[in-house]
Amino acid sequence: MNQLVRMSQISEADPIAEPSAKLRVPFAQSGAFVCKFIIGEPNDQALCCGAPVADGKSWCAFHRRIVFEPARPGRLR
Protein backbone atom coordinates (compact mmCIF):
# COMPACT_ATOMS: atom_id res chain seq x y z
CA MET A 1 0.00 0.00 0.00
CA ASN A 2 1.35 3.40 -0.93
CA GLN A 3 1.57 6.02 1.76
CA LEU A 4 2.01 9.73 1.30
CA VAL A 5 5.13 11.18 2.86
CA ARG A 6 5.61 14.84 3.67
CA MET A 7 8.84 16.42 2.44
CA SER A 8 9.61 17.43 6.04
CA GLN A 9 9.75 13.73 6.91
CA ILE A 10 12.55 13.10 4.44
CA SER A 11 15.82 13.80 6.16
CA GLU A 12 18.66 15.40 4.25
CA ALA A 13 21.61 13.14 3.59
CA ASP A 14 24.82 13.73 5.49
CA PRO A 15 27.02 16.23 3.66
CA ILE A 16 30.00 14.87 1.76
CA ALA A 17 32.96 17.11 1.00
CA GLU A 18 33.79 17.73 -2.64
CA PRO A 19 37.00 15.94 -3.68
CA SER A 20 40.13 18.03 -4.08
CA ALA A 21 40.92 19.51 -7.49
CA LYS A 22 44.43 18.08 -7.05
CA LEU A 23 43.01 14.59 -7.74
CA ARG A 24 41.76 15.47 -11.23
CA VAL A 25 43.23 13.52 -14.11
CA PRO A 26 42.67 13.45 -17.88
CA PHE A 27 39.81 11.07 -18.64
CA ALA A 28 41.93 9.06 -21.06
CA GLN A 29 44.45 8.40 -18.26
CA SER A 30 41.97 7.59 -15.51
CA GLY A 31 42.45 4.19 -13.95
CA ALA A 32 40.04 1.53 -12.78
CA PHE A 33 39.56 2.78 -9.23
CA VAL A 34 39.02 6.54 -9.69
CA CYS A 35 35.89 8.65 -10.12
CA LYS A 36 34.97 9.10 -13.80
CA PHE A 37 32.76 12.18 -13.26
CA ILE A 38 33.77 14.63 -16.00
CA ILE A 39 34.57 18.13 -14.77
CA GLY A 40 33.59 20.77 -17.35
CA GLU A 41 32.86 20.06 -20.99
CA PRO A 42 33.22 16.49 -22.29
CA ASN A 43 35.80 16.77 -25.06
CA ASP A 44 39.19 15.26 -25.97
CA GLN A 45 40.83 17.30 -23.13
CA ALA A 46 38.23 16.30 -20.51
CA LEU A 47 39.29 16.00 -16.88
CA CYS A 48 37.61 13.60 -14.52
CA CYS A 49 37.31 13.88 -10.74
CA GLY A 50 39.97 11.25 -9.99
CA ALA A 51 38.91 10.65 -6.37
CA PRO A 52 39.16 7.05 -5.12
CA VAL A 53 35.99 4.97 -5.53
CA ALA A 54 34.58 1.85 -3.92
CA ASP A 55 35.25 -1.37 -5.82
CA GLY A 56 33.07 -1.60 -8.92
CA LYS A 57 31.78 1.98 -8.79
CA SER A 58 32.20 4.65 -11.48
CA TRP A 59 31.76 7.72 -9.29
CA CYS A 60 32.94 8.84 -5.85
CA ALA A 61 30.32 9.33 -3.11
CA PHE A 62 30.15 13.10 -3.78
CA HIS A 63 29.46 12.77 -7.51
CA ARG A 64 27.21 9.71 -7.11
CA ARG A 65 24.75 12.02 -5.32
CA ILE A 66 24.73 14.28 -8.38
CA VAL A 67 24.37 11.45 -10.90
CA PHE A 68 21.63 9.52 -9.08
CA GLU A 69 18.50 10.98 -7.52
CA PRO A 70 17.86 9.24 -4.20
CA ALA A 71 14.66 7.23 -3.91
CA ARG A 72 11.99 8.95 -1.85
CA PRO A 73 9.55 6.96 0.25
CA GLY A 74 6.05 6.94 -1.16
CA ARG A 75 7.09 8.13 -4.62
CA LEU A 76 5.60 6.30 -7.59
CA ARG A 77 7.79 5.65 -10.61
PDB file of N, CA and C in Angstrom:
ATOM      1  N   MET A   1       0.834  -1.176   0.000  1.00  0.00           N
ATOM      2  CA  MET A   1       0.000   0.000   0.000  1.00  0.00           C
ATOM      3  C   MET A   1       0.881   1.243   0.000  1.00  0.00           C
ATOM      4  N   ASN A   2       0.599   2.155  -0.881  1.00  0.00           N
ATOM      5  CA  ASN A   2       1.349   3.403  -0.935  1.00  0.00           C
ATOM      6  C   ASN A   2       0.908   4.332   0.181  1.00  0.00           C
ATOM      7  N   GLN A   3       1.870   5.033   0.746  1.00  0.00           N
ATOM      8  CA  GLN A   3       1.572   6.019   1.765  1.00  0.00           C
ATOM      9  C   GLN A   3       2.172   7.340   1.332  1.00  0.00           C
ATOM     10  N   LEU A   4       1.477   8.411   1.606  1.00  0.00           N
ATOM     11  CA  LEU A   4       2.010   9.728   1.296  1.00  0.00           C
ATOM     12  C   LEU A   4       3.010  10.118   2.368  1.00  0.00           C
ATOM     13  N   VAL A   5       4.082  10.751   1.942  1.00  0.00           N
ATOM     14  CA  VAL A   5       5.128  11.179   2.864  1.00  0.00           C
ATOM     15  C   VAL A   5       5.338  12.663   2.666  1.00  0.00           C
ATOM     16  N   ARG A   6       5.344  13.408   3.753  1.00  0.00           N
ATOM     17  CA  ARG A   6       5.611  14.841   3.668  1.00  0.00           C
ATOM     18  C   ARG A   6       7.099  15.066   3.455  1.00  0.00           C
ATOM     19  N   MET A   7       7.439  16.113   2.701  1.00  0.00           N
ATOM     20  CA  MET A   7       8.842  16.420   2.442  1.00  0.00           C
ATOM     21  C   MET A   7       9.609  16.666   3.733  1.00  0.00           C
ATOM     22  N   SER A   8       8.929  17.193   4.758  1.00  0.00           N
ATOM     23  CA  SER A   8       9.607  17.435   6.038  1.00  0.00           C
ATOM     24  C   SER A   8       9.994  16.139   6.727  1.00  0.00           C
ATOM     25  N   GLN A   9       9.413  15.022   6.318  1.00  0.00           N
ATOM     26  CA  GLN A   9       9.747  13.734   6.914  1.00  0.00           C
ATOM     27  C   GLN A   9      10.977  13.106   6.261  1.00  0.00           C
ATOM     28  N   ILE A  10      11.391  13.635   5.140  1.00  0.00           N
ATOM     29  CA  ILE A  10      12.554  13.097   4.439  1.00  0.00           C
ATOM     30  C   ILE A  10      13.778  13.845   4.945  1.00  0.00           C
ATOM     31  N   SER A  11      14.643  13.127   5.605  1.00  0.00           N
ATOM     32  CA  SER A  11      15.823  13.796   6.160  1.00  0.00           C
ATOM     33  C   SER A  11      16.860  14.014   5.065  1.00  0.00           C
ATOM     34  N   GLU A  12      17.581  15.103   5.184  1.00  0.00           N
ATOM     35  CA  GLU A  12      18.658  15.396   4.245  1.00  0.00           C
ATOM     36  C   GLU A  12      19.811  14.428   4.505  1.00  0.00           C
ATOM     37  N   ALA A  13      20.469  14.034   3.458  1.00  0.00           N
ATOM     38  CA  ALA A  13      21.613  13.141   3.586  1.00  0.00           C
ATOM     39  C   ALA A  13      22.781  13.879   4.227  1.00  0.00           C
ATOM     40  N   ASP A  14      23.628  13.132   4.884  1.00  0.00           N
ATOM     41  CA  ASP A  14      24.816  13.730   5.488  1.00  0.00           C
ATOM     42  C   ASP A  14      25.663  14.373   4.402  1.00  0.00           C
ATOM     43  N   PRO A  15      26.199  15.557   4.678  1.00  0.00           N
ATOM     44  CA  PRO A  15      27.021  16.235   3.664  1.00  0.00           C
ATOM     45  C   PRO A  15      28.326  15.474   3.406  1.00  0.00           C
ATOM     46  N   ILE A  16      28.742  15.484   2.171  1.00  0.00           N
ATOM     47  CA  ILE A  16      30.003  14.869   1.761  1.00  0.00           C
ATOM     48  C   ILE A  16      30.839  15.957   1.120  1.00  0.00           C
ATOM     49  N   ALA A  17      32.077  16.070   1.543  1.00  0.00           N
ATOM     50  CA  ALA A  17      32.962  17.110   1.001  1.00  0.00           C
ATOM     51  C   ALA A  17      33.307  16.817  -0.456  1.00  0.00           C
ATOM     52  N   GLU A  18      33.395  17.881  -1.243  1.00  0.00           N
ATOM     53  CA  GLU A  18      33.788  17.735  -2.643  1.00  0.00           C
ATOM     54  C   GLU A  18      35.256  17.335  -2.706  1.00  0.00           C
ATOM     55  N   PRO A  19      35.595  16.365  -3.568  1.00  0.00           N
ATOM     56  CA  PRO A  19      36.998  15.940  -3.682  1.00  0.00           C
ATOM     57  C   PRO A  19      37.910  17.083  -4.139  1.00  0.00           C
ATOM     58  N   SER A  20      39.146  17.012  -3.747  1.00  0.00           N
ATOM     59  CA  SER A  20      40.133  18.031  -4.080  1.00  0.00           C
ATOM     60  C   SER A  20      40.387  18.100  -5.585  1.00  0.00           C
ATOM     61  N   ALA A  21      40.592  19.310  -6.075  1.00  0.00           N
ATOM     62  CA  ALA A  21      40.915  19.507  -7.492  1.00  0.00           C
ATOM     63  C   ALA A  21      42.274  18.903  -7.828  1.00  0.00           C
ATOM     64  N   LYS A  22      43.100  18.672  -6.825  1.00  0.00           N
ATOM     65  CA  LYS A  22      44.430  18.081  -7.051  1.00  0.00           C
ATOM     66  C   LYS A  22      44.337  16.640  -7.540  1.00  0.00           C
ATOM     67  N   LEU A  23      43.193  15.991  -7.325  1.00  0.00           N
ATOM     68  CA  LEU A  23      43.012  14.593  -7.738  1.00  0.00           C
ATOM     69  C   LEU A  23      42.631  14.452  -9.204  1.00  0.00           C
ATOM     70  N   ARG A  24      42.256  15.537  -9.844  1.00  0.00           N
ATOM     71  CA  ARG A  24      41.761  15.471 -11.229  1.00  0.00           C
ATOM     72  C   ARG A  24      42.819  14.944 -12.185  1.00  0.00           C
ATOM     73  N   VAL A  25      42.358  14.123 -13.109  1.00  0.00           N
ATOM     74  CA  VAL A  25      43.233  13.523 -14.113  1.00  0.00           C
ATOM     75  C   VAL A  25      42.539  13.554 -15.472  1.00  0.00           C
ATOM     76  N   PRO A  26      43.311  13.546 -16.564  1.00  0.00           N
ATOM     77  CA  PRO A  26      42.674  13.450 -17.884  1.00  0.00           C
ATOM     78  C   PRO A  26      41.865  12.156 -17.977  1.00  0.00           C
ATOM     79  N   PHE A  27      40.688  12.240 -18.561  1.00  0.00           N
ATOM     80  CA  PHE A  27      39.813  11.074 -18.636  1.00  0.00           C
ATOM     81  C   PHE A  27      40.514   9.888 -19.284  1.00  0.00           C
ATOM     82  N   ALA A  28      41.255  10.139 -20.340  1.00  0.00           N
ATOM     83  CA  ALA A  28      41.933   9.059 -21.058  1.00  0.00           C
ATOM     84  C   ALA A  28      42.969   8.344 -20.193  1.00  0.00           C
ATOM     85  N   GLN A  29      43.440   8.995 -19.133  1.00  0.00           N
ATOM     86  CA  GLN A  29      44.454   8.400 -18.263  1.00  0.00           C
ATOM     87  C   GLN A  29      43.885   7.917 -16.929  1.00  0.00           C
ATOM     88  N   SER A  30      42.572   8.017 -16.775  1.00  0.00           N
ATOM     89  CA  SER A  30      41.969   7.594 -15.506  1.00  0.00           C
ATOM     90  C   SER A  30      42.035   6.079 -15.389  1.00  0.00           C
ATOM     91  N   GLY A  31      42.327   5.623 -14.192  1.00  0.00           N
ATOM     92  CA  GLY A  31      42.452   4.186 -13.946  1.00  0.00           C
ATOM     93  C   GLY A  31      41.133   3.551 -13.549  1.00  0.00           C
ATOM     94  N   ALA A  32      41.227   2.305 -13.103  1.00  0.00           N
ATOM     95  CA  ALA A  32      40.037   1.529 -12.781  1.00  0.00           C
ATOM     96  C   ALA A  32      39.373   1.951 -11.479  1.00  0.00           C
ATOM     97  N   PHE A  33      40.115   2.521 -10.554  1.00  0.00           N
ATOM     98  CA  PHE A  33      39.557   2.784  -9.232  1.00  0.00           C
ATOM     99  C   PHE A  33      39.495   4.273  -8.893  1.00  0.00           C
ATOM    100  N   VAL A  34      39.183   5.099  -9.914  1.00  0.00           N
ATOM    101  CA  VAL A  34      39.021   6.538  -9.695  1.00  0.00           C
ATOM    102  C   VAL A  34      37.682   6.992 -10.261  1.00  0.00           C
ATOM    103  N   CYS A  35      37.169   8.088  -9.704  1.00  0.00           N
ATOM    104  CA  CYS A  35      35.886   8.647 -10.121  1.00  0.00           C
ATOM    105  C   CYS A  35      35.968   9.145 -11.568  1.00  0.00           C
ATOM    106  N   LYS A  36      35.001   8.741 -12.373  1.00  0.00           N
ATOM    107  CA  LYS A  36      34.970   9.099 -13.797  1.00  0.00           C
ATOM    108  C   LYS A  36      34.074  10.302 -14.091  1.00  0.00           C
ATOM    109  N   PHE A  37      33.618  11.022 -13.050  1.00  0.00           N
ATOM    110  CA  PHE A  37      32.758  12.184 -13.258  1.00  0.00           C
ATOM    111  C   PHE A  37      33.550  13.250 -14.008  1.00  0.00           C
ATOM    112  N   ILE A  38      33.056  13.668 -15.167  1.00  0.00           N
ATOM    113  CA  ILE A  38      33.774  14.633 -15.999  1.00  0.00           C
ATOM    114  C   ILE A  38      33.533  16.043 -15.474  1.00  0.00           C
ATOM    115  N   ILE A  39      34.613  16.761 -15.248  1.00  0.00           N
ATOM    116  CA  ILE A  39      34.570  18.133 -14.772  1.00  0.00           C
ATOM    117  C   ILE A  39      34.636  19.052 -15.990  1.00  0.00           C
ATOM    118  N   GLY A  40      33.613  19.860 -16.200  1.00  0.00           N
ATOM    119  CA  GLY A  40      33.592  20.767 -17.347  1.00  0.00           C
ATOM    120  C   GLY A  40      32.979  20.112 -18.566  1.00  0.00           C
ATOM    121  N   GLU A  41      33.403  20.553 -19.733  1.00  0.00           N
ATOM    122  CA  GLU A  41      32.863  20.065 -20.995  1.00  0.00           C
ATOM    123  C   GLU A  41      33.489  18.729 -21.389  1.00  0.00           C
ATOM    124  N   PRO A  42      32.668  17.770 -21.822  1.00  0.00           N
ATOM    125  CA  PRO A  42      33.225  16.494 -22.286  1.00  0.00           C
ATOM    126  C   PRO A  42      33.816  16.645 -23.690  1.00  0.00           C
ATOM    127  N   ASN A  43      35.122  16.677 -23.772  1.00  0.00           N
ATOM    128  CA  ASN A  43      35.803  16.772 -25.058  1.00  0.00           C
ATOM    129  C   ASN A  43      37.091  15.956 -24.979  1.00  0.00           C
ATOM    130  N   ASP A  44      37.968  16.075 -25.962  1.00  0.00           N
ATOM    131  CA  ASP A  44      39.189  15.263 -25.967  1.00  0.00           C
ATOM    132  C   ASP A  44      40.181  15.682 -24.878  1.00  0.00           C
ATOM    133  N   GLN A  45      39.969  16.828 -24.226  1.00  0.00           N
ATOM    134  CA  GLN A  45      40.826  17.298 -23.135  1.00  0.00           C
ATOM    135  C   GLN A  45      40.124  17.170 -21.777  1.00  0.00           C
ATOM    136  N   ALA A  46      39.058  16.385 -21.709  1.00  0.00           N
ATOM    137  CA  ALA A  46      38.228  16.296 -20.507  1.00  0.00           C
ATOM    138  C   ALA A  46      39.014  15.806 -19.297  1.00  0.00           C
ATOM    139  N   LEU A  47      38.723  16.438 -18.162  1.00  0.00           N
ATOM    140  CA  LEU A  47      39.287  16.004 -16.883  1.00  0.00           C
ATOM    141  C   LEU A  47      38.199  15.300 -16.095  1.00  0.00           C
ATOM    142  N   CYS A  48      38.574  14.241 -15.401  1.00  0.00           N
ATOM    143  CA  CYS A  48      37.608  13.599 -14.523  1.00  0.00           C
ATOM    144  C   CYS A  48      38.034  13.818 -13.077  1.00  0.00           C
ATOM    145  N   CYS A  49      37.114  13.598 -12.166  1.00  0.00           N
ATOM    146  CA  CYS A  49      37.311  13.879 -10.743  1.00  0.00           C
ATOM    147  C   CYS A  49      38.593  13.232 -10.208  1.00  0.00           C
ATOM    148  N   GLY A  50      38.761  11.937 -10.417  1.00  0.00           N
ATOM    149  CA  GLY A  50      39.973  11.246  -9.994  1.00  0.00           C
ATOM    150  C   GLY A  50      39.998  10.802  -8.545  1.00  0.00           C
ATOM    151  N   ALA A  51      38.952  11.083  -7.773  1.00  0.00           N
ATOM    152  CA  ALA A  51      38.913  10.648  -6.372  1.00  0.00           C
ATOM    153  C   ALA A  51      38.777   9.129  -6.301  1.00  0.00           C
ATOM    154  N   PRO A  52      39.296   8.510  -5.258  1.00  0.00           N
ATOM    155  CA  PRO A  52      39.159   7.049  -5.121  1.00  0.00           C
ATOM    156  C   PRO A  52      37.684   6.649  -5.022  1.00  0.00           C
ATOM    157  N   VAL A  53      37.364   5.486  -5.568  1.00  0.00           N
ATOM    158  CA  VAL A  53      35.988   4.972  -5.533  1.00  0.00           C
ATOM    159  C   VAL A  53      35.960   3.586  -4.902  1.00  0.00           C
ATOM    160  N   ALA A  54      34.770   3.200  -4.438  1.00  0.00           N
ATOM    161  CA  ALA A  54      34.577   1.847  -3.923  1.00  0.00           C
ATOM    162  C   ALA A  54      34.677   0.871  -5.087  1.00  0.00           C
ATOM    163  N   ASP A  55      35.081  -0.329  -4.801  1.00  0.00           N
ATOM    164  CA  ASP A  55      35.246  -1.368  -5.816  1.00  0.00           C
ATOM    165  C   ASP A  55      33.992  -1.511  -6.685  1.00  0.00           C
ATOM    166  N   GLY A  56      34.166  -1.413  -7.981  1.00  0.00           N
ATOM    167  CA  GLY A  56      33.071  -1.602  -8.916  1.00  0.00           C
ATOM    168  C   GLY A  56      32.234  -0.370  -9.193  1.00  0.00           C
ATOM    169  N   LYS A  57      32.549   0.758  -8.592  1.00  0.00           N
ATOM    170  CA  LYS A  57      31.776   1.984  -8.791  1.00  0.00           C
ATOM    171  C   LYS A  57      32.452   2.863  -9.842  1.00  0.00           C
ATOM    172  N   SER A  58      31.662   3.733 -10.480  1.00  0.00           N
ATOM    173  CA  SER A  58      32.201   4.648 -11.480  1.00  0.00           C
ATOM    174  C   SER A  58      32.414   6.050 -10.932  1.00  0.00           C
ATOM    175  N   TRP A  59      31.703   6.376  -9.837  1.00  0.00           N
ATOM    176  CA  TRP A  59      31.765   7.720  -9.288  1.00  0.00           C
ATOM    177  C   TRP A  59      32.051   7.669  -7.789  1.00  0.00           C
ATOM    178  N   CYS A  60      32.709   8.712  -7.285  1.00  0.00           N
ATOM    179  CA  CYS A  60      32.942   8.837  -5.849  1.00  0.00           C
ATOM    180  C   CYS A  60      31.600   9.151  -5.173  1.00  0.00           C
ATOM    181  N   ALA A  61      31.568   9.096  -3.845  1.00  0.00           N
ATOM    182  CA  ALA A  61      30.324   9.326  -3.112  1.00  0.00           C
ATOM    183  C   ALA A  61      29.753  10.717  -3.398  1.00  0.00           C
ATOM    184  N   PHE A  62      30.610  11.735  -3.514  1.00  0.00           N
ATOM    185  CA  PHE A  62      30.150  13.100  -3.776  1.00  0.00           C
ATOM    186  C   PHE A  62      29.433  13.183  -5.126  1.00  0.00           C
ATOM    187  N   HIS A  63      30.049  12.658  -6.174  1.00  0.00           N
ATOM    188  CA  HIS A  63      29.461  12.767  -7.514  1.00  0.00           C
ATOM    189  C   HIS A  63      28.326  11.770  -7.735  1.00  0.00           C
ATOM    190  N   ARG A  64      28.315  10.662  -7.005  1.00  0.00           N
ATOM    191  CA  ARG A  64      27.212   9.711  -7.113  1.00  0.00           C
ATOM    192  C   ARG A  64      25.906  10.383  -6.706  1.00  0.00           C
ATOM    193  N   ARG A  65      25.953  11.298  -5.737  1.00  0.00           N
ATOM    194  CA  ARG A  65      24.746  12.017  -5.317  1.00  0.00           C
ATOM    195  C   ARG A  65      24.251  12.974  -6.401  1.00  0.00           C
ATOM    196  N   ILE A  66      25.132  13.407  -7.269  1.00  0.00           N
ATOM    197  CA  ILE A  66      24.730  14.278  -8.377  1.00  0.00           C
ATOM    198  C   ILE A  66      24.149  13.441  -9.511  1.00  0.00           C
ATOM    199  N   VAL A  67      24.770  12.298  -9.779  1.00  0.00           N
ATOM    200  CA  VAL A  67      24.373  11.448 -10.899  1.00  0.00           C
ATOM    201  C   VAL A  67      23.038  10.752 -10.641  1.00  0.00           C
ATOM    202  N   PHE A  68      22.840  10.265  -9.416  1.00  0.00           N
ATOM    203  CA  PHE A  68      21.627   9.521  -9.081  1.00  0.00           C
ATOM    204  C   PHE A  68      20.748  10.314  -8.130  1.00  0.00           C
ATOM    205  N   GLU A  69      19.459  10.361  -8.430  1.00  0.00           N
ATOM    206  CA  GLU A  69      18.501  10.981  -7.519  1.00  0.00           C
ATOM    207  C   GLU A  69      18.097   9.923  -6.500  1.00  0.00           C
ATOM    208  N   PRO A  70      18.216  10.234  -5.202  1.00  0.00           N
ATOM    209  CA  PRO A  70      17.857   9.238  -4.200  1.00  0.00           C
ATOM    210  C   PRO A  70      16.365   8.895  -4.249  1.00  0.00           C
ATOM    211  N   ALA A  71      16.049   7.654  -3.950  1.00  0.00           N
ATOM    212  CA  ALA A  71      14.657   7.231  -3.907  1.00  0.00           C
ATOM    213  C   ALA A  71      13.969   7.889  -2.714  1.00  0.00           C
ATOM    214  N   ARG A  72      12.757   8.325  -2.919  1.00  0.00           N
ATOM    215  CA  ARG A  72      11.991   8.950  -1.852  1.00  0.00           C
ATOM    216  C   ARG A  72      10.867   8.013  -1.457  1.00  0.00           C
ATOM    217  N   PRO A  73      10.647   7.839  -0.181  1.00  0.00           N
ATOM    218  CA  PRO A  73       9.552   6.964   0.251  1.00  0.00           C
ATOM    219  C   PRO A  73       8.210   7.478  -0.260  1.00  0.00           C
ATOM    220  N   GLY A  74       7.377   6.567  -0.727  1.00  0.00           N
ATOM    221  CA  GLY A  74       6.046   6.937  -1.161  1.00  0.00           C
ATOM    222  C   GLY A  74       5.965   7.517  -2.559  1.00  0.00           C
ATOM    223  N   ARG A  75       7.080   7.538  -3.277  1.00  0.00           N
ATOM    224  CA  ARG A  75       7.086   8.125  -4.620  1.00  0.00           C
ATOM    225  C   ARG A  75       6.841   7.022  -5.660  1.00  0.00           C
ATOM    226  N   LEU A  76       5.883   7.244  -6.518  1.00  0.00           N
ATOM    227  CA  LEU A  76       5.600   6.297  -7.591  1.00  0.00           C
ATOM    228  C   LEU A  76       6.516   6.555  -8.763  1.00  0.00           C
ATOM    229  N   ARG A  77       6.940   5.510  -9.423  1.00  0.00           N
ATOM    230  CA  ARG A  77       7.785   5.654 -10.610  1.00  0.00           C
ATOM    231  C   ARG A  77       7.081   5.126 -11.806  1.00  0.00           C
TER     232      ARG A  77
END
